PDB file of all heavy atoms in Angstrom:
ATOM      1  N   TYR A   1       0.838  -1.193   0.000  1.00  0.00           N
ATOM      2  CA  TYR A   1       0.000   0.000   0.000  1.00  0.00           C
ATOM      3  C   TYR A   1       0.882   1.256   0.000  1.00  0.00           C
ATOM      4  O   TYR A   1       1.676   1.469   0.929  1.00  0.00           O
ATOM      5  CB  TYR A   1      -0.913   0.026   1.232  1.00  0.00           C
ATOM      6  CG  TYR A   1      -1.782   1.262   1.256  1.00  0.00           C
ATOM      7  CD1 TYR A   1      -2.951   1.313   0.505  1.00  0.00           C
ATOM      8  CD2 TYR A   1      -1.418   2.391   1.980  1.00  0.00           C
ATOM      9  CE1 TYR A   1      -3.743   2.445   0.480  1.00  0.00           C
ATOM     10  CE2 TYR A   1      -2.198   3.527   1.968  1.00  0.00           C
ATOM     11  CZ  TYR A   1      -3.357   3.555   1.217  1.00  0.00           C
ATOM     12  OH  TYR A   1      -4.133   4.687   1.187  1.00  0.00           O
ATOM     13  N   VAL A   2       0.748   2.050  -1.039  1.00  0.00           N
ATOM     14  CA  VAL A   2       1.466   3.318  -1.138  1.00  0.00           C
ATOM     15  C   VAL A   2       0.544   4.415  -0.625  1.00  0.00           C
ATOM     16  O   VAL A   2      -0.528   4.650  -1.200  1.00  0.00           O
ATOM     17  CB  VAL A   2       1.883   3.627  -2.592  1.00  0.00           C
ATOM     18  CG1 VAL A   2       2.570   4.988  -2.668  1.00  0.00           C
ATOM     19  CG2 VAL A   2       2.780   2.528  -3.129  1.00  0.00           C
ATOM     20  N   PRO A   3       0.896   5.080   0.476  1.00  0.00           N
ATOM     21  CA  PRO A   3       0.012   6.103   1.048  1.00  0.00           C
ATOM     22  C   PRO A   3      -0.393   7.145   0.012  1.00  0.00           C
ATOM     23  O   PRO A   3       0.439   7.650  -0.745  1.00  0.00           O
ATOM     24  CB  PRO A   3       0.865   6.723   2.162  1.00  0.00           C
ATOM     25  CG  PRO A   3       1.817   5.635   2.551  1.00  0.00           C
ATOM     26  CD  PRO A   3       2.127   4.913   1.266  1.00  0.00           C
ATOM     27  N   GLY A   4      -1.698   7.423  -0.024  1.00  0.00           N
ATOM     28  CA  GLY A   4      -2.197   8.483  -0.871  1.00  0.00           C
ATOM     29  C   GLY A   4      -2.469   8.122  -2.306  1.00  0.00           C
ATOM     30  O   GLY A   4      -2.991   8.931  -3.064  1.00  0.00           O
ATOM     31  N   SER A   5      -2.111   6.877  -2.736  1.00  0.00           N
ATOM     32  CA  SER A   5      -2.338   6.542  -4.146  1.00  0.00           C
ATOM     33  C   SER A   5      -2.947   5.160  -4.351  1.00  0.00           C
ATOM     34  O   SER A   5      -3.756   4.963  -5.256  1.00  0.00           O
ATOM     35  CB  SER A   5      -1.030   6.647  -4.939  1.00  0.00           C
ATOM     36  OG  SER A   5      -0.082   5.722  -4.480  1.00  0.00           O
ATOM     37  N   SER A   6      -2.578   4.157  -3.536  1.00  0.00           N
ATOM     38  CA  SER A   6      -3.067   2.800  -3.765  1.00  0.00           C
ATOM     39  C   SER A   6      -4.584   2.697  -3.641  1.00  0.00           C
ATOM     40  O   SER A   6      -5.204   1.856  -4.304  1.00  0.00           O
ATOM     41  CB  SER A   6      -2.411   1.824  -2.782  1.00  0.00           C
ATOM     42  OG  SER A   6      -1.059   1.617  -3.111  1.00  0.00           O
ATOM     43  N   ALA A   7      -5.182   3.540  -2.810  1.00  0.00           N
ATOM     44  CA  ALA A   7      -6.633   3.471  -2.628  1.00  0.00           C
ATOM     45  C   ALA A   7      -7.388   3.724  -3.927  1.00  0.00           C
ATOM     46  O   ALA A   7      -8.541   3.301  -4.077  1.00  0.00           O
ATOM     47  CB  ALA A   7      -7.068   4.474  -1.564  1.00  0.00           C
ATOM     48  N   ASP A   8      -6.758   4.389  -4.882  1.00  0.00           N
ATOM     49  CA  ASP A   8      -7.405   4.674  -6.168  1.00  0.00           C
ATOM     50  C   ASP A   8      -7.614   3.407  -7.000  1.00  0.00           C
ATOM     51  O   ASP A   8      -8.360   3.438  -7.991  1.00  0.00           O
ATOM     52  CB  ASP A   8      -6.554   5.662  -6.987  1.00  0.00           C
ATOM     53  CG  ASP A   8      -6.431   7.018  -6.310  1.00  0.00           C
ATOM     54  OD1 ASP A   8      -7.298   7.342  -5.474  1.00  0.00           O
ATOM     55  OD2 ASP A   8      -5.473   7.744  -6.629  1.00  0.00           O
ATOM     56  N   TYR A   9      -6.964   2.301  -6.610  1.00  0.00           N
ATOM     57  CA  TYR A   9      -6.996   1.091  -7.435  1.00  0.00           C
ATOM     58  C   TYR A   9      -7.822  -0.035  -6.820  1.00  0.00           C
ATOM     59  O   TYR A   9      -7.728  -1.185  -7.256  1.00  0.00           O
ATOM     60  CB  TYR A   9      -5.559   0.614  -7.687  1.00  0.00           C
ATOM     61  CG  TYR A   9      -4.734   1.635  -8.425  1.00  0.00           C
ATOM     62  CD1 TYR A   9      -3.902   2.506  -7.742  1.00  0.00           C
ATOM     63  CD2 TYR A   9      -4.828   1.764  -9.809  1.00  0.00           C
ATOM     64  CE1 TYR A   9      -3.164   3.471  -8.414  1.00  0.00           C
ATOM     65  CE2 TYR A   9      -4.093   2.719 -10.488  1.00  0.00           C
ATOM     66  CZ  TYR A   9      -3.263   3.571  -9.788  1.00  0.00           C
ATOM     67  OH  TYR A   9      -2.538   4.521 -10.447  1.00  0.00           O
ATOM     68  N   VAL A  10      -8.646   0.290  -5.831  1.00  0.00           N
ATOM     69  CA  VAL A  10      -9.465  -0.735  -5.186  1.00  0.00           C
ATOM     70  C   VAL A  10     -10.333  -1.467  -6.202  1.00  0.00           C
ATOM     71  O   VAL A  10     -10.423  -2.700  -6.200  1.00  0.00           O
ATOM     72  CB  VAL A  10     -10.343  -0.115  -4.074  1.00  0.00           C
ATOM     73  CG1 VAL A  10     -11.413  -1.100  -3.620  1.00  0.00           C
ATOM     74  CG2 VAL A  10      -9.479   0.306  -2.893  1.00  0.00           C
ATOM     75  N   SER A  11     -10.985  -0.732  -7.097  1.00  0.00           N
ATOM     76  CA  SER A  11     -11.904  -1.357  -8.052  1.00  0.00           C
ATOM     77  C   SER A  11     -11.166  -2.320  -8.983  1.00  0.00           C
ATOM     78  O   SER A  11     -11.717  -3.355  -9.384  1.00  0.00           O
ATOM     79  CB  SER A  11     -12.636  -0.292  -8.873  1.00  0.00           C
ATOM     80  OG  SER A  11     -11.712   0.496  -9.615  1.00  0.00           O
ATOM     81  N   LEU A  12      -9.920  -2.008  -9.322  1.00  0.00           N
ATOM     82  CA  LEU A  12      -9.147  -2.894 -10.184  1.00  0.00           C
ATOM     83  C   LEU A  12      -8.741  -4.170  -9.442  1.00  0.00           C
ATOM     84  O   LEU A  12      -8.851  -5.273  -9.979  1.00  0.00           O
ATOM     85  CB  LEU A  12      -7.903  -2.174 -10.711  1.00  0.00           C
ATOM     86  CG  LEU A  12      -8.159  -1.020 -11.679  1.00  0.00           C
ATOM     87  CD1 LEU A  12      -6.845  -0.338 -12.050  1.00  0.00           C
ATOM     88  CD2 LEU A  12      -8.859  -1.519 -12.938  1.00  0.00           C
ATOM     89  N   TRP A  13      -8.281  -4.020  -8.198  1.00  0.00           N
ATOM     90  CA  TRP A  13      -7.895  -5.197  -7.420  1.00  0.00           C
ATOM     91  C   TRP A  13      -9.090  -6.108  -7.169  1.00  0.00           C
ATOM     92  O   TRP A  13      -8.951  -7.330  -7.127  1.00  0.00           O
ATOM     93  CB  TRP A  13      -7.270  -4.776  -6.093  1.00  0.00           C
ATOM     94  CG  TRP A  13      -5.839  -4.333  -6.205  1.00  0.00           C
ATOM     95  CD1 TRP A  13      -5.351  -3.065  -6.068  1.00  0.00           C
ATOM     96  CD2 TRP A  13      -4.714  -5.153  -6.480  1.00  0.00           C
ATOM     97  NE1 TRP A  13      -4.000  -3.052  -6.252  1.00  0.00           N
ATOM     98  CE2 TRP A  13      -3.576  -4.320  -6.502  1.00  0.00           C
ATOM     99  CE3 TRP A  13      -4.547  -6.523  -6.717  1.00  0.00           C
ATOM    100  CZ2 TRP A  13      -2.299  -4.812  -6.745  1.00  0.00           C
ATOM    101  CZ3 TRP A  13      -3.272  -7.011  -6.959  1.00  0.00           C
ATOM    102  CH2 TRP A  13      -2.161  -6.156  -6.971  1.00  0.00           C
ATOM    103  N   LYS A  14     -10.267  -5.532  -7.016  1.00  0.00           N
ATOM    104  CA  LYS A  14     -11.453  -6.338  -6.741  1.00  0.00           C
ATOM    105  C   LYS A  14     -11.838  -7.233  -7.922  1.00  0.00           C
ATOM    106  O   LYS A  14     -12.582  -8.194  -7.754  1.00  0.00           O
ATOM    107  CB  LYS A  14     -12.633  -5.434  -6.368  1.00  0.00           C
ATOM    108  CG  LYS A  14     -12.590  -4.953  -4.923  1.00  0.00           C
ATOM    109  CD  LYS A  14     -13.890  -4.263  -4.549  1.00  0.00           C
ATOM    110  CE  LYS A  14     -13.950  -4.004  -3.050  1.00  0.00           C
ATOM    111  NZ  LYS A  14     -15.224  -3.378  -2.640  1.00  0.00           N
ATOM    112  N   LYS A  15     -11.342  -6.907  -9.099  1.00  0.00           N
ATOM    113  CA  LYS A  15     -11.636  -7.730 -10.274  1.00  0.00           C
ATOM    114  C   LYS A  15     -10.820  -9.022 -10.299  1.00  0.00           C
ATOM    115  O   LYS A  15     -11.103  -9.918 -11.100  1.00  0.00           O
ATOM    116  CB  LYS A  15     -11.362  -6.931 -11.547  1.00  0.00           C
ATOM    117  CG  LYS A  15     -12.306  -5.747 -11.750  1.00  0.00           C
ATOM    118  CD  LYS A  15     -11.959  -4.986 -13.014  1.00  0.00           C
ATOM    119  CE  LYS A  15     -12.886  -3.788 -13.212  1.00  0.00           C
ATOM    120  NZ  LYS A  15     -12.554  -3.015 -14.437  1.00  0.00           N
ATOM    121  N   ILE A  16      -9.807  -9.097  -9.449  1.00  0.00           N
ATOM    122  CA  ILE A  16      -8.929 -10.267  -9.436  1.00  0.00           C
ATOM    123  C   ILE A  16      -9.498 -11.301  -8.476  1.00  0.00           C
ATOM    124  O   ILE A  16      -9.646 -11.044  -7.277  1.00  0.00           O
ATOM    125  CB  ILE A  16      -7.502  -9.876  -9.019  1.00  0.00           C
ATOM    126  CG1 ILE A  16      -6.922  -8.876 -10.014  1.00  0.00           C
ATOM    127  CG2 ILE A  16      -6.616 -11.109  -8.913  1.00  0.00           C
ATOM    128  CD1 ILE A  16      -5.575  -8.334  -9.613  1.00  0.00           C
ATOM    129  N   ASP A  17      -9.834 -12.462  -9.003  1.00  0.00           N
ATOM    130  CA  ASP A  17     -10.421 -13.528  -8.199  1.00  0.00           C
ATOM    131  C   ASP A  17      -9.298 -14.354  -7.568  1.00  0.00           C
ATOM    132  O   ASP A  17      -8.985 -15.460  -8.015  1.00  0.00           O
ATOM    133  CB  ASP A  17     -11.323 -14.407  -9.070  1.00  0.00           C
ATOM    134  CG  ASP A  17     -12.030 -15.482  -8.252  1.00  0.00           C
ATOM    135  OD1 ASP A  17     -12.117 -15.315  -7.026  1.00  0.00           O
ATOM    136  OD2 ASP A  17     -12.474 -16.481  -8.851  1.00  0.00           O
ATOM    137  N   ALA A  18      -8.703 -13.785  -6.532  1.00  0.00           N
ATOM    138  CA  ALA A  18      -7.598 -14.465  -5.854  1.00  0.00           C
ATOM    139  C   ALA A  18      -7.507 -13.925  -4.432  1.00  0.00           C
ATOM    140  O   ALA A  18      -7.896 -12.791  -4.167  1.00  0.00           O
ATOM    141  CB  ALA A  18      -6.278 -14.218  -6.591  1.00  0.00           C
ATOM    142  N   PRO A  19      -6.995 -14.732  -3.505  1.00  0.00           N
ATOM    143  CA  PRO A  19      -6.794 -14.234  -2.133  1.00  0.00           C
ATOM    144  C   PRO A  19      -5.793 -13.087  -2.130  1.00  0.00           C
ATOM    145  O   PRO A  19      -4.824 -13.095  -2.888  1.00  0.00           O
ATOM    146  CB  PRO A  19      -6.239 -15.452  -1.390  1.00  0.00           C
ATOM    147  CG  PRO A  19      -6.585 -16.626  -2.245  1.00  0.00           C
ATOM    148  CD  PRO A  19      -6.591 -16.130  -3.652  1.00  0.00           C
ATOM    149  N   ILE A  20      -6.027 -12.111  -1.273  1.00  0.00           N
ATOM    150  CA  ILE A  20      -5.170 -10.922  -1.216  1.00  0.00           C
ATOM    151  C   ILE A  20      -4.637 -10.722   0.199  1.00  0.00           C
ATOM    152  O   ILE A  20      -5.381 -10.809   1.176  1.00  0.00           O
ATOM    153  CB  ILE A  20      -5.937  -9.659  -1.657  1.00  0.00           C
ATOM    154  CG1 ILE A  20      -6.272  -9.729  -3.150  1.00  0.00           C
ATOM    155  CG2 ILE A  20      -5.140  -8.388  -1.356  1.00  0.00           C
ATOM    156  CD1 ILE A  20      -7.116  -8.573  -3.648  1.00  0.00           C
ATOM    157  N   PHE A  21      -3.346 -10.478   0.299  1.00  0.00           N
ATOM    158  CA  PHE A  21      -2.720  -9.941   1.503  1.00  0.00           C
ATOM    159  C   PHE A  21      -2.161  -8.570   1.135  1.00  0.00           C
ATOM    160  O   PHE A  21      -1.500  -8.422   0.104  1.00  0.00           O
ATOM    161  CB  PHE A  21      -1.575 -10.828   1.998  1.00  0.00           C
ATOM    162  CG  PHE A  21      -2.022 -12.100   2.647  1.00  0.00           C
ATOM    163  CD1 PHE A  21      -2.127 -13.273   1.913  1.00  0.00           C
ATOM    164  CD2 PHE A  21      -2.334 -12.141   4.000  1.00  0.00           C
ATOM    165  CE1 PHE A  21      -2.532 -14.457   2.495  1.00  0.00           C
ATOM    166  CE2 PHE A  21      -2.738 -13.321   4.604  1.00  0.00           C
ATOM    167  CZ  PHE A  21      -2.839 -14.480   3.846  1.00  0.00           C
ATOM    168  N   VAL A  22      -2.407  -7.582   1.956  1.00  0.00           N
ATOM    169  CA  VAL A  22      -1.868  -6.241   1.741  1.00  0.00           C
ATOM    170  C   VAL A  22      -0.591  -6.101   2.558  1.00  0.00           C
ATOM    171  O   VAL A  22      -0.491  -6.615   3.670  1.00  0.00           O
ATOM    172  CB  VAL A  22      -2.890  -5.174   2.184  1.00  0.00           C
ATOM    173  CG1 VAL A  22      -2.273  -3.774   2.192  1.00  0.00           C
ATOM    174  CG2 VAL A  22      -4.121  -5.219   1.287  1.00  0.00           C
ATOM    175  N   HIS A  23       0.419  -5.436   1.985  1.00  0.00           N
ATOM    176  CA  HIS A  23       1.612  -5.073   2.764  1.00  0.00           C
ATOM    177  C   HIS A  23       1.491  -3.607   3.116  1.00  0.00           C
ATOM    178  O   HIS A  23       1.429  -2.747   2.240  1.00  0.00           O
ATOM    179  CB  HIS A  23       2.887  -5.329   1.967  1.00  0.00           C
ATOM    180  CG  HIS A  23       4.102  -5.472   2.836  1.00  0.00           C
ATOM    181  ND1 HIS A  23       4.443  -4.524   3.782  1.00  0.00           N
ATOM    182  CD2 HIS A  23       5.026  -6.463   2.922  1.00  0.00           C
ATOM    183  CE1 HIS A  23       5.549  -4.911   4.399  1.00  0.00           C
ATOM    184  NE2 HIS A  23       5.913  -6.091   3.907  1.00  0.00           N
ATOM    185  N   ALA A  24       1.403  -3.305   4.409  1.00  0.00           N
ATOM    186  CA  ALA A  24       1.312  -1.919   4.861  1.00  0.00           C
ATOM    187  C   ALA A  24       2.621  -1.186   4.561  1.00  0.00           C
ATOM    188  O   ALA A  24       3.682  -1.814   4.449  1.00  0.00           O
ATOM    189  CB  ALA A  24       1.009  -1.866   6.356  1.00  0.00           C
ATOM    190  N   PRO A  25       2.584   0.133   4.440  1.00  0.00           N
ATOM    191  CA  PRO A  25       3.814   0.889   4.171  1.00  0.00           C
ATOM    192  C   PRO A  25       4.822   0.739   5.302  1.00  0.00           C
ATOM    193  O   PRO A  25       4.449   0.550   6.465  1.00  0.00           O
ATOM    194  CB  PRO A  25       3.321   2.338   4.040  1.00  0.00           C
ATOM    195  CG  PRO A  25       1.989   2.368   4.687  1.00  0.00           C
ATOM    196  CD  PRO A  25       1.401   1.012   4.520  1.00  0.00           C
ATOM    197  N   HIS A  26       6.100   0.809   4.946  1.00  0.00           N
ATOM    198  CA  HIS A  26       7.170   0.682   5.935  1.00  0.00           C
ATOM    199  C   HIS A  26       8.107   1.887   5.829  1.00  0.00           C
ATOM    200  O   HIS A  26       7.677   2.972   5.403  1.00  0.00           O
ATOM    201  CB  HIS A  26       7.911  -0.643   5.779  1.00  0.00           C
ATOM    202  CG  HIS A  26       8.275  -0.999   4.370  1.00  0.00           C
ATOM    203  ND1 HIS A  26       8.979  -0.166   3.537  1.00  0.00           N
ATOM    204  CD2 HIS A  26       8.029  -2.127   3.631  1.00  0.00           C
ATOM    205  CE1 HIS A  26       9.177  -0.733   2.377  1.00  0.00           C
ATOM    206  NE2 HIS A  26       8.603  -1.932   2.390  1.00  0.00           N
ATOM    207  N   TYR A  27       9.373   1.682   6.206  1.00  0.00           N
ATOM    208  CA  TYR A  27      10.280   2.825   6.322  1.00  0.00           C
ATOM    209  C   TYR A  27      10.457   3.580   5.013  1.00  0.00           C
ATOM    210  O   TYR A  27      10.746   4.785   5.017  1.00  0.00           O
ATOM    211  CB  TYR A  27      11.647   2.355   6.840  1.00  0.00           C
ATOM    212  CG  TYR A  27      12.522   3.494   7.304  1.00  0.00           C
ATOM    213  CD1 TYR A  27      12.327   4.064   8.573  1.00  0.00           C
ATOM    214  CD2 TYR A  27      13.516   4.014   6.488  1.00  0.00           C
ATOM    215  CE1 TYR A  27      13.124   5.118   8.997  1.00  0.00           C
ATOM    216  CE2 TYR A  27      14.317   5.067   6.904  1.00  0.00           C
ATOM    217  CZ  TYR A  27      14.105   5.618   8.164  1.00  0.00           C
ATOM    218  OH  TYR A  27      14.885   6.669   8.577  1.00  0.00           O
ATOM    219  N   SER A  28      10.279   2.903   3.880  1.00  0.00           N
ATOM    220  CA  SER A  28      10.397   3.580   2.585  1.00  0.00           C
ATOM    221  C   SER A  28       9.382   4.703   2.436  1.00  0.00           C
ATOM    222  O   SER A  28       9.582   5.629   1.652  1.00  0.00           O
ATOM    223  CB  SER A  28      10.208   2.575   1.441  1.00  0.00           C
ATOM    224  OG  SER A  28      11.232   1.614   1.451  1.00  0.00           O
ATOM    225  N   HIS A  29       8.279   4.620   3.197  1.00  0.00           N
ATOM    226  CA  HIS A  29       7.272   5.676   3.190  1.00  0.00           C
ATOM    227  C   HIS A  29       7.115   6.292   4.582  1.00  0.00           C
ATOM    228  O   HIS A  29       6.016   6.668   4.998  1.00  0.00           O
ATOM    229  CB  HIS A  29       5.943   5.135   2.663  1.00  0.00           C
ATOM    230  CG  HIS A  29       5.943   4.937   1.188  1.00  0.00           C
ATOM    231  ND1 HIS A  29       6.268   3.719   0.601  1.00  0.00           N
ATOM    232  CD2 HIS A  29       5.705   5.796   0.162  1.00  0.00           C
ATOM    233  CE1 HIS A  29       6.207   3.851  -0.719  1.00  0.00           C
ATOM    234  NE2 HIS A  29       5.874   5.088  -1.007  1.00  0.00           N
ATOM    235  N   ARG A  30       8.245   6.374   5.292  1.00  0.00           N
ATOM    236  CA  ARG A  30       8.321   7.092   6.569  1.00  0.00           C
ATOM    237  C   ARG A  30       7.406   6.499   7.642  1.00  0.00           C
ATOM    238  O   ARG A  30       6.848   7.219   8.481  1.00  0.00           O
ATOM    239  CB  ARG A  30       7.993   8.576   6.371  1.00  0.00           C
ATOM    240  CG  ARG A  30       8.940   9.307   5.440  1.00  0.00           C
ATOM    241  CD  ARG A  30      10.311   9.466   6.057  1.00  0.00           C
ATOM    242  NE  ARG A  30      10.284  10.311   7.251  1.00  0.00           N
ATOM    243  CZ  ARG A  30      11.299  10.421   8.097  1.00  0.00           C
ATOM    244  NH1 ARG A  30      12.397   9.705   7.908  1.00  0.00           N
ATOM    245  NH2 ARG A  30      11.210  11.224   9.144  1.00  0.00           N
ATOM    246  N   VAL A  31       7.241   5.191   7.644  1.00  0.00           N
ATOM    247  CA  VAL A  31       6.514   4.496   8.708  1.00  0.00           C
ATOM    248  C   VAL A  31       7.541   3.754   9.557  1.00  0.00           C
ATOM    249  O   VAL A  31       8.306   2.934   9.042  1.00  0.00           O
ATOM    250  CB  VAL A  31       5.474   3.515   8.145  1.00  0.00           C
ATOM    251  CG1 VAL A  31       4.855   2.672   9.261  1.00  0.00           C
ATOM    252  CG2 VAL A  31       4.390   4.276   7.392  1.00  0.00           C
ATOM    253  N   ASN A  32       7.576   4.060  10.837  1.00  0.00           N
ATOM    254  CA  ASN A  32       8.500   3.399  11.760  1.00  0.00           C
ATOM    255  C   ASN A  32       7.796   3.257  13.104  1.00  0.00           C
ATOM    256  O   ASN A  32       7.754   4.188  13.911  1.00  0.00           O
ATOM    257  CB  ASN A  32       9.786   4.215  11.907  1.00  0.00           C
ATOM    258  CG  ASN A  32      10.847   3.477  12.718  1.00  0.00           C
ATOM    259  OD1 ASN A  32      10.559   2.518  13.416  1.00  0.00           O
ATOM    260  ND2 ASN A  32      12.086   3.943  12.622  1.00  0.00           N
ATOM    261  N   LEU A  33       7.231   2.087  13.325  1.00  0.00           N
ATOM    262  CA  LEU A  33       6.406   1.856  14.508  1.00  0.00           C
ATOM    263  C   LEU A  33       7.194   1.730  15.799  1.00  0.00           C
ATOM    264  O   LEU A  33       6.605   1.700  16.878  1.00  0.00           O
ATOM    265  CB  LEU A  33       5.576   0.593  14.295  1.00  0.00           C
ATOM    266  CG  LEU A  33       4.499   0.702  13.217  1.00  0.00           C
ATOM    267  CD1 LEU A  33       4.054  -0.677  12.752  1.00  0.00           C
ATOM    268  CD2 LEU A  33       3.323   1.512  13.725  1.00  0.00           C
ATOM    269  N   SER A  34       8.506   1.702  15.724  1.00  0.00           N
ATOM    270  CA  SER A  34       9.318   1.531  16.930  1.00  0.00           C
ATOM    271  C   SER A  34       9.770   2.856  17.538  1.00  0.00           C
ATOM    272  O   SER A  34      10.403   2.863  18.594  1.00  0.00           O
ATOM    273  CB  SER A  34      10.542   0.666  16.620  1.00  0.00           C
ATOM    274  OG  SER A  34      11.497   1.376  15.846  1.00  0.00           O
ATOM    275  N   LEU A  35       9.461   3.970  16.856  1.00  0.00           N
ATOM    276  CA  LEU A  35       9.890   5.282  17.354  1.00  0.00           C
ATOM    277  C   LEU A  35       8.686   6.205  17.534  1.00  0.00           C
ATOM    278  O   LEU A  35       7.865   6.371  16.634  1.00  0.00           O
ATOM    279  CB  LEU A  35      10.881   5.919  16.381  1.00  0.00           C
ATOM    280  CG  LEU A  35      12.263   5.265  16.288  1.00  0.00           C
ATOM    281  CD1 LEU A  35      13.085   5.908  15.192  1.00  0.00           C
ATOM    282  CD2 LEU A  35      13.005   5.335  17.622  1.00  0.00           C
ATOM    283  N   ARG A  36       8.608   6.842  18.700  1.00  0.00           N
ATOM    284  CA  ARG A  36       7.463   7.682  19.044  1.00  0.00           C
ATOM    285  C   ARG A  36       7.348   8.899  18.133  1.00  0.00           C
ATOM    286  O   ARG A  36       6.236   9.342  17.828  1.00  0.00           O
ATOM    287  CB  ARG A  36       7.582   8.138  20.508  1.00  0.00           C
ATOM    288  CG  ARG A  36       6.357   8.858  21.032  1.00  0.00           C
ATOM    289  CD  ARG A  36       6.454   9.109  22.523  1.00  0.00           C
ATOM    290  NE  ARG A  36       6.423   7.875  23.269  1.00  0.00           N
ATOM    291  CZ  ARG A  36       5.531   7.594  24.208  1.00  0.00           C
ATOM    292  NH1 ARG A  36       4.595   8.477  24.496  1.00  0.00           N
ATOM    293  NH2 ARG A  36       5.567   6.455  24.853  1.00  0.00           N
ATOM    294  N   GLU A  37       8.464   9.419  17.659  1.00  0.00           N
ATOM    295  CA  GLU A  37       8.404  10.627  16.842  1.00  0.00           C
ATOM    296  C   GLU A  37       7.741  10.400  15.485  1.00  0.00           C
ATOM    297  O   GLU A  37       7.373  11.348  14.798  1.00  0.00           O
ATOM    298  CB  GLU A  37       9.791  11.239  16.650  1.00  0.00           C
ATOM    299  CG  GLU A  37      10.839  10.311  16.080  1.00  0.00           C
ATOM    300  CD  GLU A  37      11.710   9.685  17.163  1.00  0.00           C
ATOM    301  OE1 GLU A  37      11.174   9.361  18.241  1.00  0.00           O
ATOM    302  OE2 GLU A  37      12.913   9.504  16.901  1.00  0.00           O
ATOM    303  N   PHE A  38       7.569   9.137  15.097  1.00  0.00           N
ATOM    304  CA  PHE A  38       6.888   8.803  13.835  1.00  0.00           C
ATOM    305  C   PHE A  38       5.393   8.541  14.038  1.00  0.00           C
ATOM    306  O   PHE A  38       4.693   8.249  13.075  1.00  0.00           O
ATOM    307  CB  PHE A  38       7.516   7.557  13.213  1.00  0.00           C
ATOM    308  CG  PHE A  38       8.851   7.779  12.548  1.00  0.00           C
ATOM    309  CD1 PHE A  38      10.004   7.915  13.299  1.00  0.00           C
ATOM    310  CD2 PHE A  38       8.957   7.846  11.166  1.00  0.00           C
ATOM    311  CE1 PHE A  38      11.237   8.108  12.699  1.00  0.00           C
ATOM    312  CE2 PHE A  38      10.183   8.041  10.549  1.00  0.00           C
ATOM    313  CZ  PHE A  38      11.329   8.177  11.316  1.00  0.00           C
TER     314      PHE A  38
END
């Protein structure tokens, strides 16, 4: 999931008849759950 853009593609992903796991954003998109300042 790319913050601010992946949500635009929900309708396209829903057309795929397959199980889905989402990968939440990580440090590449400034997500760091181990530090309070983030």
